[in-house]
Amino acid sequence: EHVRLFFAGCYSRREYGGFMREILDAGE
């Protein structure tokens, strides 16, 4: 509800999950 003006939730679970996997594997 805090980001309702610009967040549509248009990515699938596999898409956003894969992106988080990329971030986790990278580290800082």
mmCIF file of all heavy atoms, coordinates in Angstrom:
data_MODEL
# 
_entry.id   MODEL 
# 
loop_
_atom_site.group_PDB 
_atom_site.id 
_atom_site.type_symbol 
_atom_site.label_atom_id 
_atom_site.label_alt_id 
_atom_site.label_comp_id 
_atom_site.label_asym_id 
_atom_site.label_entity_id 
_atom_site.label_seq_id 
_atom_site.pdbx_PDB_ins_code 
_atom_site.Cartn_x 
_atom_site.Cartn_y 
_atom_site.Cartn_z 
_atom_site.occupancy 
_atom_site.B_iso_or_equiv 
_atom_site.pdbx_formal_charge 
_atom_site.auth_seq_id 
_atom_site.auth_comp_id 
_atom_site.auth_asym_id 
_atom_site.auth_atom_id 
_atom_site.pdbx_PDB_model_num 
ATOM 1   N N   . GLU A 1 1  ? 0.815  -1.214  0.000   1.00 0.00 ? 1  GLU A N   1 
ATOM 2   C CA  . GLU A 1 1  ? 0.000  0.000   0.000   1.00 0.00 ? 1  GLU A CA  1 
ATOM 3   C C   . GLU A 1 1  ? 0.853  1.270   0.000   1.00 0.00 ? 1  GLU A C   1 
ATOM 4   O O   . GLU A 1 1  ? 0.399  2.341   -0.406  1.00 0.00 ? 1  GLU A O   1 
ATOM 5   C CB  . GLU A 1 1  ? -0.955 0.022   1.205   1.00 0.00 ? 1  GLU A CB  1 
ATOM 6   C CG  . GLU A 1 1  ? -0.286 -0.037  2.569   1.00 0.00 ? 1  GLU A CG  1 
ATOM 7   C CD  . GLU A 1 1  ? -0.137 -1.456  3.107   1.00 0.00 ? 1  GLU A CD  1 
ATOM 8   O OE1 . GLU A 1 1  ? -0.069 -2.406  2.284   1.00 0.00 ? 1  GLU A OE1 1 
ATOM 9   O OE2 . GLU A 1 1  ? -0.085 -1.609  4.347   1.00 0.00 ? 1  GLU A OE2 1 
ATOM 10  N N   . HIS A 1 2  ? 2.103  1.164   0.422   1.00 0.00 ? 2  HIS A N   1 
ATOM 11  C CA  . HIS A 1 2  ? 2.984  2.329   0.446   1.00 0.00 ? 2  HIS A CA  1 
ATOM 12  C C   . HIS A 1 2  ? 3.549  2.664   -0.939  1.00 0.00 ? 2  HIS A C   1 
ATOM 13  O O   . HIS A 1 2  ? 4.056  3.761   -1.144  1.00 0.00 ? 2  HIS A O   1 
ATOM 14  C CB  . HIS A 1 2  ? 4.147  2.104   1.421   1.00 0.00 ? 2  HIS A CB  1 
ATOM 15  C CG  . HIS A 1 2  ? 3.705  1.977   2.841   1.00 0.00 ? 2  HIS A CG  1 
ATOM 16  N ND1 . HIS A 1 2  ? 4.585  1.704   3.872   1.00 0.00 ? 2  HIS A ND1 1 
ATOM 17  C CD2 . HIS A 1 2  ? 2.482  2.084   3.416   1.00 0.00 ? 2  HIS A CD2 1 
ATOM 18  C CE1 . HIS A 1 2  ? 3.919  1.649   5.016   1.00 0.00 ? 2  HIS A CE1 1 
ATOM 19  N NE2 . HIS A 1 2  ? 2.643  1.871   4.761   1.00 0.00 ? 2  HIS A NE2 1 
ATOM 20  N N   . VAL A 1 3  ? 3.511  1.697   -1.844  1.00 0.00 ? 3  VAL A N   1 
ATOM 21  C CA  . VAL A 1 3  ? 4.086  1.904   -3.191  1.00 0.00 ? 3  VAL A CA  1 
ATOM 22  C C   . VAL A 1 3  ? 3.018  1.718   -4.273  1.00 0.00 ? 3  VAL A C   1 
ATOM 23  O O   . VAL A 1 3  ? 3.322  1.450   -5.429  1.00 0.00 ? 3  VAL A O   1 
ATOM 24  C CB  . VAL A 1 3  ? 5.269  0.943   -3.434  1.00 0.00 ? 3  VAL A CB  1 
ATOM 25  C CG1 . VAL A 1 3  ? 6.449  1.307   -2.548  1.00 0.00 ? 3  VAL A CG1 1 
ATOM 26  C CG2 . VAL A 1 3  ? 4.861  -0.512  -3.178  1.00 0.00 ? 3  VAL A CG2 1 
ATOM 27  N N   . ARG A 1 4  ? 1.756  1.890   -3.908  1.00 0.00 ? 4  ARG A N   1 
ATOM 28  C CA  . ARG A 1 4  ? 0.652  1.604   -4.822  1.00 0.00 ? 4  ARG A CA  1 
ATOM 29  C C   . ARG A 1 4  ? 0.659  2.504   -6.053  1.00 0.00 ? 4  ARG A C   1 
ATOM 30  O O   . ARG A 1 4  ? 0.126  2.129   -7.108  1.00 0.00 ? 4  ARG A O   1 
ATOM 31  C CB  . ARG A 1 4  ? -0.677 1.764   -4.085  1.00 0.00 ? 4  ARG A CB  1 
ATOM 32  C CG  . ARG A 1 4  ? -0.867 3.150   -3.484  1.00 0.00 ? 4  ARG A CG  1 
ATOM 33  C CD  . ARG A 1 4  ? -2.172 3.310   -2.713  1.00 0.00 ? 4  ARG A CD  1 
ATOM 34  N NE  . ARG A 1 4  ? -2.247 4.590   -2.043  1.00 0.00 ? 4  ARG A NE  1 
ATOM 35  C CZ  . ARG A 1 4  ? -2.510 5.740   -2.646  1.00 0.00 ? 4  ARG A CZ  1 
ATOM 36  N NH1 . ARG A 1 4  ? -2.748 5.750   -3.948  1.00 0.00 ? 4  ARG A NH1 1 
ATOM 37  N NH2 . ARG A 1 4  ? -2.544 6.866   -1.964  1.00 0.00 ? 4  ARG A NH2 1 
ATOM 38  N N   . LEU A 1 5  ? 1.265  3.695   -5.971  1.00 0.00 ? 5  LEU A N   1 
ATOM 39  C CA  . LEU A 1 5  ? 1.246  4.622   -7.102  1.00 0.00 ? 5  LEU A CA  1 
ATOM 40  C C   . LEU A 1 5  ? 2.160  4.195   -8.239  1.00 0.00 ? 5  LEU A C   1 
ATOM 41  O O   . LEU A 1 5  ? 1.989  4.657   -9.369  1.00 0.00 ? 5  LEU A O   1 
ATOM 42  C CB  . LEU A 1 5  ? 1.619  6.041   -6.639  1.00 0.00 ? 5  LEU A CB  1 
ATOM 43  C CG  . LEU A 1 5  ? 0.619  6.730   -5.710  1.00 0.00 ? 5  LEU A CG  1 
ATOM 44  C CD1 . LEU A 1 5  ? 1.134  8.107   -5.312  1.00 0.00 ? 5  LEU A CD1 1 
ATOM 45  C CD2 . LEU A 1 5  ? -0.752 6.844   -6.377  1.00 0.00 ? 5  LEU A CD2 1 
ATOM 46  N N   . PHE A 1 6  ? 3.138  3.336   -7.959  1.00 0.00 ? 6  PHE A N   1 
ATOM 47  C CA  . PHE A 1 6  ? 4.050  2.957   -9.041  1.00 0.00 ? 6  PHE A CA  1 
ATOM 48  C C   . PHE A 1 6  ? 4.347  1.460   -9.109  1.00 0.00 ? 6  PHE A C   1 
ATOM 49  O O   . PHE A 1 6  ? 5.094  1.007   -9.981  1.00 0.00 ? 6  PHE A O   1 
ATOM 50  C CB  . PHE A 1 6  ? 5.380  3.723   -8.917  1.00 0.00 ? 6  PHE A CB  1 
ATOM 51  C CG  . PHE A 1 6  ? 6.157  3.451   -7.658  1.00 0.00 ? 6  PHE A CG  1 
ATOM 52  C CD1 . PHE A 1 6  ? 7.050  2.389   -7.577  1.00 0.00 ? 6  PHE A CD1 1 
ATOM 53  C CD2 . PHE A 1 6  ? 6.015  4.275   -6.550  1.00 0.00 ? 6  PHE A CD2 1 
ATOM 54  C CE1 . PHE A 1 6  ? 7.772  2.139   -6.429  1.00 0.00 ? 6  PHE A CE1 1 
ATOM 55  C CE2 . PHE A 1 6  ? 6.736  4.038   -5.382  1.00 0.00 ? 6  PHE A CE2 1 
ATOM 56  C CZ  . PHE A 1 6  ? 7.612  2.966   -5.326  1.00 0.00 ? 6  PHE A CZ  1 
ATOM 57  N N   . PHE A 1 7  ? 3.765  0.668   -8.225  1.00 0.00 ? 7  PHE A N   1 
ATOM 58  C CA  . PHE A 1 7  ? 4.038  -0.765  -8.228  1.00 0.00 ? 7  PHE A CA  1 
ATOM 59  C C   . PHE A 1 7  ? 2.828  -1.526  -8.734  1.00 0.00 ? 7  PHE A C   1 
ATOM 60  O O   . PHE A 1 7  ? 1.743  -1.455  -8.146  1.00 0.00 ? 7  PHE A O   1 
ATOM 61  C CB  . PHE A 1 7  ? 4.408  -1.237  -6.821  1.00 0.00 ? 7  PHE A CB  1 
ATOM 62  C CG  . PHE A 1 7  ? 4.628  -2.724  -6.715  1.00 0.00 ? 7  PHE A CG  1 
ATOM 63  C CD1 . PHE A 1 7  ? 5.576  -3.355  -7.516  1.00 0.00 ? 7  PHE A CD1 1 
ATOM 64  C CD2 . PHE A 1 7  ? 3.894  -3.499  -5.825  1.00 0.00 ? 7  PHE A CD2 1 
ATOM 65  C CE1 . PHE A 1 7  ? 5.778  -4.729  -7.426  1.00 0.00 ? 7  PHE A CE1 1 
ATOM 66  C CE2 . PHE A 1 7  ? 4.089  -4.859  -5.727  1.00 0.00 ? 7  PHE A CE2 1 
ATOM 67  C CZ  . PHE A 1 7  ? 5.031  -5.480  -6.541  1.00 0.00 ? 7  PHE A CZ  1 
ATOM 68  N N   . ALA A 1 8  ? 3.020  -2.275  -9.835  1.00 0.00 ? 8  ALA A N   1 
ATOM 69  C CA  . ALA A 1 8  ? 1.911  -2.997  -10.463 1.00 0.00 ? 8  ALA A CA  1 
ATOM 70  C C   . ALA A 1 8  ? 1.940  -4.499  -10.191 1.00 0.00 ? 8  ALA A C   1 
ATOM 71  O O   . ALA A 1 8  ? 0.951  -5.193  -10.426 1.00 0.00 ? 8  ALA A O   1 
ATOM 72  C CB  . ALA A 1 8  ? 1.927  -2.757  -11.979 1.00 0.00 ? 8  ALA A CB  1 
ATOM 73  N N   . GLY A 1 9  ? 3.077  -5.036  -9.734  1.00 0.00 ? 9  GLY A N   1 
ATOM 74  C CA  . GLY A 1 9  ? 3.192  -6.463  -9.468  1.00 0.00 ? 9  GLY A CA  1 
ATOM 75  C C   . GLY A 1 9  ? 3.085  -7.306  -10.722 1.00 0.00 ? 9  GLY A C   1 
ATOM 76  O O   . GLY A 1 9  ? 2.401  -8.335  -10.744 1.00 0.00 ? 9  GLY A O   1 
ATOM 77  N N   . CYS A 1 10 ? 3.789  -6.887  -11.765 1.00 0.00 ? 10 CYS A N   1 
ATOM 78  C CA  . CYS A 1 10 ? 3.607  -7.525  -13.075 1.00 0.00 ? 10 CYS A CA  1 
ATOM 79  C C   . CYS A 1 10 ? 4.581  -8.675  -13.348 1.00 0.00 ? 10 CYS A C   1 
ATOM 80  O O   . CYS A 1 10 ? 4.461  -9.340  -14.380 1.00 0.00 ? 10 CYS A O   1 
ATOM 81  C CB  . CYS A 1 10 ? 3.737  -6.478  -14.186 1.00 0.00 ? 10 CYS A CB  1 
ATOM 82  S SG  . CYS A 1 10 ? 5.318  -5.646  -14.246 1.00 0.00 ? 10 CYS A SG  1 
ATOM 83  N N   . TYR A 1 11 ? 5.547  -8.928  -12.458 1.00 0.00 ? 11 TYR A N   1 
ATOM 84  C CA  . TYR A 1 11 ? 6.499  -10.017 -12.689 1.00 0.00 ? 11 TYR A CA  1 
ATOM 85  C C   . TYR A 1 11 ? 6.006  -11.313 -12.051 1.00 0.00 ? 11 TYR A C   1 
ATOM 86  O O   . TYR A 1 11 ? 5.400  -11.304 -10.972 1.00 0.00 ? 11 TYR A O   1 
ATOM 87  C CB  . TYR A 1 11 ? 7.879  -9.663  -12.142 1.00 0.00 ? 11 TYR A CB  1 
ATOM 88  C CG  . TYR A 1 11 ? 8.604  -8.633  -12.978 1.00 0.00 ? 11 TYR A CG  1 
ATOM 89  C CD1 . TYR A 1 11 ? 8.795  -7.336  -12.518 1.00 0.00 ? 11 TYR A CD1 1 
ATOM 90  C CD2 . TYR A 1 11 ? 9.098  -8.958  -14.245 1.00 0.00 ? 11 TYR A CD2 1 
ATOM 91  C CE1 . TYR A 1 11 ? 9.452  -6.389  -13.281 1.00 0.00 ? 11 TYR A CE1 1 
ATOM 92  C CE2 . TYR A 1 11 ? 9.757  -8.017  -15.023 1.00 0.00 ? 11 TYR A CE2 1 
ATOM 93  C CZ  . TYR A 1 11 ? 9.926  -6.732  -14.535 1.00 0.00 ? 11 TYR A CZ  1 
ATOM 94  O OH  . TYR A 1 11 ? 10.570 -5.803  -15.305 1.00 0.00 ? 11 TYR A OH  1 
ATOM 95  N N   . SER A 1 12 ? 6.299  -12.424 -12.702 1.00 0.00 ? 12 SER A N   1 
ATOM 96  C CA  . SER A 1 12 ? 5.905  -13.729 -12.180 1.00 0.00 ? 12 SER A CA  1 
ATOM 97  C C   . SER A 1 12 ? 6.843  -14.148 -11.047 1.00 0.00 ? 12 SER A C   1 
ATOM 98  O O   . SER A 1 12 ? 7.937  -13.595 -10.891 1.00 0.00 ? 12 SER A O   1 
ATOM 99  C CB  . SER A 1 12 ? 5.956  -14.786 -13.288 1.00 0.00 ? 12 SER A CB  1 
ATOM 100 O OG  . SER A 1 12 ? 7.310  -15.045 -13.668 1.00 0.00 ? 12 SER A OG  1 
ATOM 101 N N   . ARG A 1 13 ? 6.421  -15.170 -10.297 1.00 0.00 ? 13 ARG A N   1 
ATOM 102 C CA  . ARG A 1 13 ? 7.249  -15.651 -9.194  1.00 0.00 ? 13 ARG A CA  1 
ATOM 103 C C   . ARG A 1 13 ? 8.606  -16.135 -9.694  1.00 0.00 ? 13 ARG A C   1 
ATOM 104 O O   . ARG A 1 13 ? 9.636  -15.913 -9.055  1.00 0.00 ? 13 ARG A O   1 
ATOM 105 C CB  . ARG A 1 13 ? 6.521  -16.783 -8.457  1.00 0.00 ? 13 ARG A CB  1 
ATOM 106 C CG  . ARG A 1 13 ? 7.294  -17.309 -7.242  1.00 0.00 ? 13 ARG A CG  1 
ATOM 107 C CD  . ARG A 1 13 ? 6.475  -18.361 -6.495  1.00 0.00 ? 13 ARG A CD  1 
ATOM 108 N NE  . ARG A 1 13 ? 7.132  -18.771 -5.266  1.00 0.00 ? 13 ARG A NE  1 
ATOM 109 C CZ  . ARG A 1 13 ? 8.024  -19.744 -5.185  1.00 0.00 ? 13 ARG A CZ  1 
ATOM 110 N NH1 . ARG A 1 13 ? 8.377  -20.402 -6.281  1.00 0.00 ? 13 ARG A NH1 1 
ATOM 111 N NH2 . ARG A 1 13 ? 8.566  -20.060 -4.025  1.00 0.00 ? 13 ARG A NH2 1 
ATOM 112 N N   . ARG A 1 14 ? 8.621  -16.794 -10.819 1.00 0.00 ? 14 ARG A N   1 
ATOM 113 C CA  . ARG A 1 14 ? 9.888  -17.285 -11.363 1.00 0.00 ? 14 ARG A CA  1 
ATOM 114 C C   . ARG A 1 14 ? 10.794 -16.132 -11.780 1.00 0.00 ? 14 ARG A C   1 
ATOM 115 O O   . ARG A 1 14 ? 12.003 -16.182 -11.594 1.00 0.00 ? 14 ARG A O   1 
ATOM 116 C CB  . ARG A 1 14 ? 9.641  -18.212 -12.546 1.00 0.00 ? 14 ARG A CB  1 
ATOM 117 C CG  . ARG A 1 14 ? 10.925 -18.873 -13.049 1.00 0.00 ? 14 ARG A CG  1 
ATOM 118 C CD  . ARG A 1 14 ? 10.654 -19.970 -14.056 1.00 0.00 ? 14 ARG A CD  1 
ATOM 119 N NE  . ARG A 1 14 ? 11.891 -20.633 -14.427 1.00 0.00 ? 14 ARG A NE  1 
ATOM 120 C CZ  . ARG A 1 14 ? 12.470 -21.601 -13.736 1.00 0.00 ? 14 ARG A CZ  1 
ATOM 121 N NH1 . ARG A 1 14 ? 11.914 -22.022 -12.620 1.00 0.00 ? 14 ARG A NH1 1 
ATOM 122 N NH2 . ARG A 1 14 ? 13.591 -22.165 -14.131 1.00 0.00 ? 14 ARG A NH2 1 
ATOM 123 N N   . GLU A 1 15 ? 10.202 -15.061 -12.309 1.00 0.00 ? 15 GLU A N   1 
ATOM 124 C CA  . GLU A 1 15 ? 11.007 -13.919 -12.751 1.00 0.00 ? 15 GLU A CA  1 
ATOM 125 C C   . GLU A 1 15 ? 11.604 -13.181 -11.563 1.00 0.00 ? 15 GLU A C   1 
ATOM 126 O O   . GLU A 1 15 ? 12.814 -12.922 -11.527 1.00 0.00 ? 15 GLU A O   1 
ATOM 127 C CB  . GLU A 1 15 ? 10.142 -12.990 -13.599 1.00 0.00 ? 15 GLU A CB  1 
ATOM 128 C CG  . GLU A 1 15 ? 9.826  -13.533 -14.984 1.00 0.00 ? 15 GLU A CG  1 
ATOM 129 C CD  . GLU A 1 15 ? 8.830  -12.683 -15.731 1.00 0.00 ? 15 GLU A CD  1 
ATOM 130 O OE1 . GLU A 1 15 ? 7.949  -12.057 -15.076 1.00 0.00 ? 15 GLU A OE1 1 
ATOM 131 O OE2 . GLU A 1 15 ? 8.896  -12.648 -16.980 1.00 0.00 ? 15 GLU A OE2 1 
ATOM 132 N N   . TYR A 1 16 ? 10.768 -12.831 -10.583 1.00 0.00 ? 16 TYR A N   1 
ATOM 133 C CA  . TYR A 1 16 ? 11.341 -12.089 -9.456  1.00 0.00 ? 16 TYR A CA  1 
ATOM 134 C C   . TYR A 1 16 ? 12.175 -12.999 -8.557  1.00 0.00 ? 16 TYR A C   1 
ATOM 135 O O   . TYR A 1 16 ? 13.152 -12.560 -7.936  1.00 0.00 ? 16 TYR A O   1 
ATOM 136 C CB  . TYR A 1 16 ? 10.278 -11.310 -8.683  1.00 0.00 ? 16 TYR A CB  1 
ATOM 137 C CG  . TYR A 1 16 ? 9.243  -12.092 -7.921  1.00 0.00 ? 16 TYR A CG  1 
ATOM 138 C CD1 . TYR A 1 16 ? 9.557  -12.784 -6.748  1.00 0.00 ? 16 TYR A CD1 1 
ATOM 139 C CD2 . TYR A 1 16 ? 7.909  -12.094 -8.328  1.00 0.00 ? 16 TYR A CD2 1 
ATOM 140 C CE1 . TYR A 1 16 ? 8.591  -13.468 -6.028  1.00 0.00 ? 16 TYR A CE1 1 
ATOM 141 C CE2 . TYR A 1 16 ? 6.934  -12.768 -7.613  1.00 0.00 ? 16 TYR A CE2 1 
ATOM 142 C CZ  . TYR A 1 16 ? 7.277  -13.460 -6.467  1.00 0.00 ? 16 TYR A CZ  1 
ATOM 143 O OH  . TYR A 1 16 ? 6.312  -14.136 -5.751  1.00 0.00 ? 16 TYR A OH  1 
ATOM 144 N N   . GLY A 1 17 ? 11.822 -14.287 -8.503  1.00 0.00 ? 17 GLY A N   1 
ATOM 145 C CA  . GLY A 1 17 ? 12.649 -15.216 -7.736  1.00 0.00 ? 17 GLY A CA  1 
ATOM 146 C C   . GLY A 1 17 ? 14.023 -15.386 -8.360  1.00 0.00 ? 17 GLY A C   1 
ATOM 147 O O   . GLY A 1 17 ? 15.042 -15.447 -7.658  1.00 0.00 ? 17 GLY A O   1 
ATOM 148 N N   . GLY A 1 18 ? 14.070 -15.453 -9.695  1.00 0.00 ? 18 GLY A N   1 
ATOM 149 C CA  . GLY A 1 18 ? 15.349 -15.567 -10.383 1.00 0.00 ? 18 GLY A CA  1 
ATOM 150 C C   . GLY A 1 18 ? 16.212 -14.334 -10.187 1.00 0.00 ? 18 GLY A C   1 
ATOM 151 O O   . GLY A 1 18 ? 17.433 -14.421 -10.066 1.00 0.00 ? 18 GLY A O   1 
ATOM 152 N N   . PHE A 1 19 ? 15.561 -13.162 -10.138 1.00 0.00 ? 19 PHE A N   1 
ATOM 153 C CA  . PHE A 1 19 ? 16.318 -11.932 -9.923  1.00 0.00 ? 19 PHE A CA  1 
ATOM 154 C C   . PHE A 1 19 ? 16.886 -11.888 -8.508  1.00 0.00 ? 19 PHE A C   1 
ATOM 155 O O   . PHE A 1 19 ? 18.028 -11.480 -8.293  1.00 0.00 ? 19 PHE A O   1 
ATOM 156 C CB  . PHE A 1 19 ? 15.415 -10.726 -10.178 1.00 0.00 ? 19 PHE A CB  1 
ATOM 157 C CG  . PHE A 1 19 ? 16.166 -9.459  -10.471 1.00 0.00 ? 19 PHE A CG  1 
ATOM 158 C CD1 . PHE A 1 19 ? 16.539 -9.142  -11.764 1.00 0.00 ? 19 PHE A CD1 1 
ATOM 159 C CD2 . PHE A 1 19 ? 16.507 -8.584  -9.454  1.00 0.00 ? 19 PHE A CD2 1 
ATOM 160 C CE1 . PHE A 1 19 ? 17.238 -7.979  -12.032 1.00 0.00 ? 19 PHE A CE1 1 
ATOM 161 C CE2 . PHE A 1 19 ? 17.202 -7.425  -9.709  1.00 0.00 ? 19 PHE A CE2 1 
ATOM 162 C CZ  . PHE A 1 19 ? 17.573 -7.116  -11.011 1.00 0.00 ? 19 PHE A CZ  1 
ATOM 163 N N   . MET A 1 20 ? 16.095 -12.335 -7.536  1.00 0.00 ? 20 MET A N   1 
ATOM 164 C CA  . MET A 1 20 ? 16.613 -12.387 -6.166  1.00 0.00 ? 20 MET A CA  1 
ATOM 165 C C   . MET A 1 20 ? 17.752 -13.395 -6.055  1.00 0.00 ? 20 MET A C   1 
ATOM 166 O O   . MET A 1 20 ? 18.720 -13.182 -5.319  1.00 0.00 ? 20 MET A O   1 
ATOM 167 C CB  . MET A 1 20 ? 15.497 -12.732 -5.186  1.00 0.00 ? 20 MET A CB  1 
ATOM 168 C CG  . MET A 1 20 ? 15.968 -12.806 -3.728  1.00 0.00 ? 20 MET A CG  1 
ATOM 169 S SD  . MET A 1 20 ? 16.762 -11.273 -3.136  1.00 0.00 ? 20 MET A SD  1 
ATOM 170 C CE  . MET A 1 20 ? 15.345 -10.459 -2.398  1.00 0.00 ? 20 MET A CE  1 
ATOM 171 N N   . ARG A 1 21 ? 17.650 -14.492 -6.799  1.00 0.00 ? 21 ARG A N   1 
ATOM 172 C CA  . ARG A 1 21 ? 18.744 -15.465 -6.814  1.00 0.00 ? 21 ARG A CA  1 
ATOM 173 C C   . ARG A 1 21 ? 20.033 -14.798 -7.297  1.00 0.00 ? 21 ARG A C   1 
ATOM 174 O O   . ARG A 1 21 ? 21.118 -15.019 -6.749  1.00 0.00 ? 21 ARG A O   1 
ATOM 175 C CB  . ARG A 1 21 ? 18.355 -16.620 -7.749  1.00 0.00 ? 21 ARG A CB  1 
ATOM 176 C CG  . ARG A 1 21 ? 19.379 -17.700 -7.955  1.00 0.00 ? 21 ARG A CG  1 
ATOM 177 C CD  . ARG A 1 21 ? 19.439 -18.645 -6.769  1.00 0.00 ? 21 ARG A CD  1 
ATOM 178 N NE  . ARG A 1 21 ? 20.448 -18.271 -5.797  1.00 0.00 ? 21 ARG A NE  1 
ATOM 179 C CZ  . ARG A 1 21 ? 20.338 -18.509 -4.495  1.00 0.00 ? 21 ARG A CZ  1 
ATOM 180 N NH1 . ARG A 1 21 ? 19.273 -19.083 -4.000  1.00 0.00 ? 21 ARG A NH1 1 
ATOM 181 N NH2 . ARG A 1 21 ? 21.303 -18.144 -3.667  1.00 0.00 ? 21 ARG A NH2 1 
ATOM 182 N N   . GLU A 1 22 ? 19.912 -13.972 -8.322  1.00 0.00 ? 22 GLU A N   1 
ATOM 183 C CA  . GLU A 1 22 ? 21.071 -13.239 -8.854  1.00 0.00 ? 22 GLU A CA  1 
ATOM 184 C C   . GLU A 1 22 ? 21.671 -12.338 -7.792  1.00 0.00 ? 22 GLU A C   1 
ATOM 185 O O   . GLU A 1 22 ? 22.895 -12.282 -7.622  1.00 0.00 ? 22 GLU A O   1 
ATOM 186 C CB  . GLU A 1 22 ? 20.612 -12.431 -10.072 1.00 0.00 ? 22 GLU A CB  1 
ATOM 187 C CG  . GLU A 1 22 ? 21.320 -11.114 -10.336 1.00 0.00 ? 22 GLU A CG  1 
ATOM 188 C CD  . GLU A 1 22 ? 22.719 -11.287 -10.874 1.00 0.00 ? 22 GLU A CD  1 
ATOM 189 O OE1 . GLU A 1 22 ? 23.034 -12.361 -11.421 1.00 0.00 ? 22 GLU A OE1 1 
ATOM 190 O OE2 . GLU A 1 22 ? 23.520 -10.345 -10.735 1.00 0.00 ? 22 GLU A OE2 1 
ATOM 191 N N   . ILE A 1 23 ? 20.850 -11.646 -7.045  1.00 0.00 ? 23 ILE A N   1 
ATOM 192 C CA  . ILE A 1 23 ? 21.331 -10.733 -6.010  1.00 0.00 ? 23 ILE A CA  1 
ATOM 193 C C   . ILE A 1 23 ? 21.992 -11.502 -4.867  1.00 0.00 ? 23 ILE A C   1 
ATOM 194 O O   . ILE A 1 23 ? 23.038 -11.098 -4.342  1.00 0.00 ? 23 ILE A O   1 
ATOM 195 C CB  . ILE A 1 23 ? 20.173 -9.854  -5.502  1.00 0.00 ? 23 ILE A CB  1 
ATOM 196 C CG1 . ILE A 1 23 ? 19.774 -8.868  -6.601  1.00 0.00 ? 23 ILE A CG1 1 
ATOM 197 C CG2 . ILE A 1 23 ? 20.548 -9.118  -4.223  1.00 0.00 ? 23 ILE A CG2 1 
ATOM 198 C CD1 . ILE A 1 23 ? 18.562 -8.039  -6.282  1.00 0.00 ? 23 ILE A CD1 1 
ATOM 199 N N   . LEU A 1 24 ? 21.395 -12.609 -4.475  1.00 0.00 ? 24 LEU A N   1 
ATOM 200 C CA  . LEU A 1 24 ? 21.981 -13.415 -3.400  1.00 0.00 ? 24 LEU A CA  1 
ATOM 201 C C   . LEU A 1 24 ? 23.343 -13.968 -3.798  1.00 0.00 ? 24 LEU A C   1 
ATOM 202 O O   . LEU A 1 24 ? 24.282 -13.979 -2.995  1.00 0.00 ? 24 LEU A O   1 
ATOM 203 C CB  . LEU A 1 24 ? 21.035 -14.559 -3.037  1.00 0.00 ? 24 LEU A CB  1 
ATOM 204 C CG  . LEU A 1 24 ? 19.781 -14.189 -2.262  1.00 0.00 ? 24 LEU A CG  1 
ATOM 205 C CD1 . LEU A 1 24 ? 18.875 -15.405 -2.128  1.00 0.00 ? 24 LEU A CD1 1 
ATOM 206 C CD2 . LEU A 1 24 ? 20.122 -13.626 -0.885  1.00 0.00 ? 24 LEU A CD2 1 
ATOM 207 N N   . ASP A 1 25 ? 23.457 -14.449 -5.018  1.00 0.00 ? 25 ASP A N   1 
ATOM 208 C CA  . ASP A 1 25 ? 24.723 -15.022 -5.474  1.00 0.00 ? 25 ASP A CA  1 
ATOM 209 C C   . ASP A 1 25 ? 25.819 -13.965 -5.581  1.00 0.00 ? 25 ASP A C   1 
ATOM 210 O O   . ASP A 1 25 ? 27.000 -14.269 -5.457  1.00 0.00 ? 25 ASP A O   1 
ATOM 211 C CB  . ASP A 1 25 ? 24.539 -15.710 -6.832  1.00 0.00 ? 25 ASP A CB  1 
ATOM 212 C CG  . ASP A 1 25 ? 23.722 -16.988 -6.722  1.00 0.00 ? 25 ASP A CG  1 
ATOM 213 O OD1 . ASP A 1 25 ? 23.523 -17.469 -5.585  1.00 0.00 ? 25 ASP A OD1 1 
ATOM 214 O OD2 . ASP A 1 25 ? 23.270 -17.495 -7.764  1.00 0.00 ? 25 ASP A OD2 1 
ATOM 215 N N   . ALA A 1 26 ? 25.425 -12.720 -5.825  1.00 0.00 ? 26 ALA A N   1 
ATOM 216 C CA  . ALA A 1 26 ? 26.408 -11.647 -5.994  1.00 0.00 ? 26 ALA A CA  1 
ATOM 217 C C   . ALA A 1 26 ? 27.069 -11.254 -4.686  1.00 0.00 ? 26 ALA A C   1 
ATOM 218 O O   . ALA A 1 26 ? 28.260 -10.968 -4.632  1.00 0.00 ? 26 ALA A O   1 
ATOM 219 C CB  . ALA A 1 26 ? 25.741 -10.420 -6.628  1.00 0.00 ? 26 ALA A CB  1 
ATOM 220 N N   . GLY A 1 27 ? 26.306 -11.222 -3.582  1.00 0.00 ? 27 GLY A N   1 
ATOM 221 C CA  . GLY A 1 27 ? 26.838 -10.658 -2.354  1.00 0.00 ? 27 GLY A CA  1 
ATOM 222 C C   . GLY A 1 27 ? 26.910 -9.152  -2.484  1.00 0.00 ? 27 GLY A C   1 
ATOM 223 O O   . GLY A 1 27 ? 26.441 -8.562  -3.465  1.00 0.00 ? 27 GLY A O   1 
ATOM 224 N N   . GLU A 1 28 ? 27.492 -8.488  -1.500  1.00 0.00 ? 28 GLU A N   1 
ATOM 225 C CA  . GLU A 1 28 ? 27.565 -7.033  -1.551  1.00 0.00 ? 28 GLU A CA  1 
ATOM 226 C C   . GLU A 1 28 ? 28.420 -6.593  -2.732  1.00 0.00 ? 28 GLU A C   1 
ATOM 227 O O   . GLU A 1 28 ? 29.606 -6.908  -2.825  1.00 0.00 ? 28 GLU A O   1 
ATOM 228 C CB  . GLU A 1 28 ? 28.146 -6.459  -0.251  1.00 0.00 ? 28 GLU A CB  1 
ATOM 229 C CG  . GLU A 1 28 ? 28.054 -4.932  -0.222  1.00 0.00 ? 28 GLU A CG  1 
ATOM 230 C CD  . GLU A 1 28 ? 28.753 -4.322  0.986   1.00 0.00 ? 28 GLU A CD  1 
ATOM 231 O OE1 . GLU A 1 28 ? 29.671 -4.961  1.525   1.00 0.00 ? 28 GLU A OE1 1 
ATOM 232 O OE2 . GLU A 1 28 ? 28.367 -3.215  1.374   1.00 0.00 ? 28 GLU A OE2 1 
# 
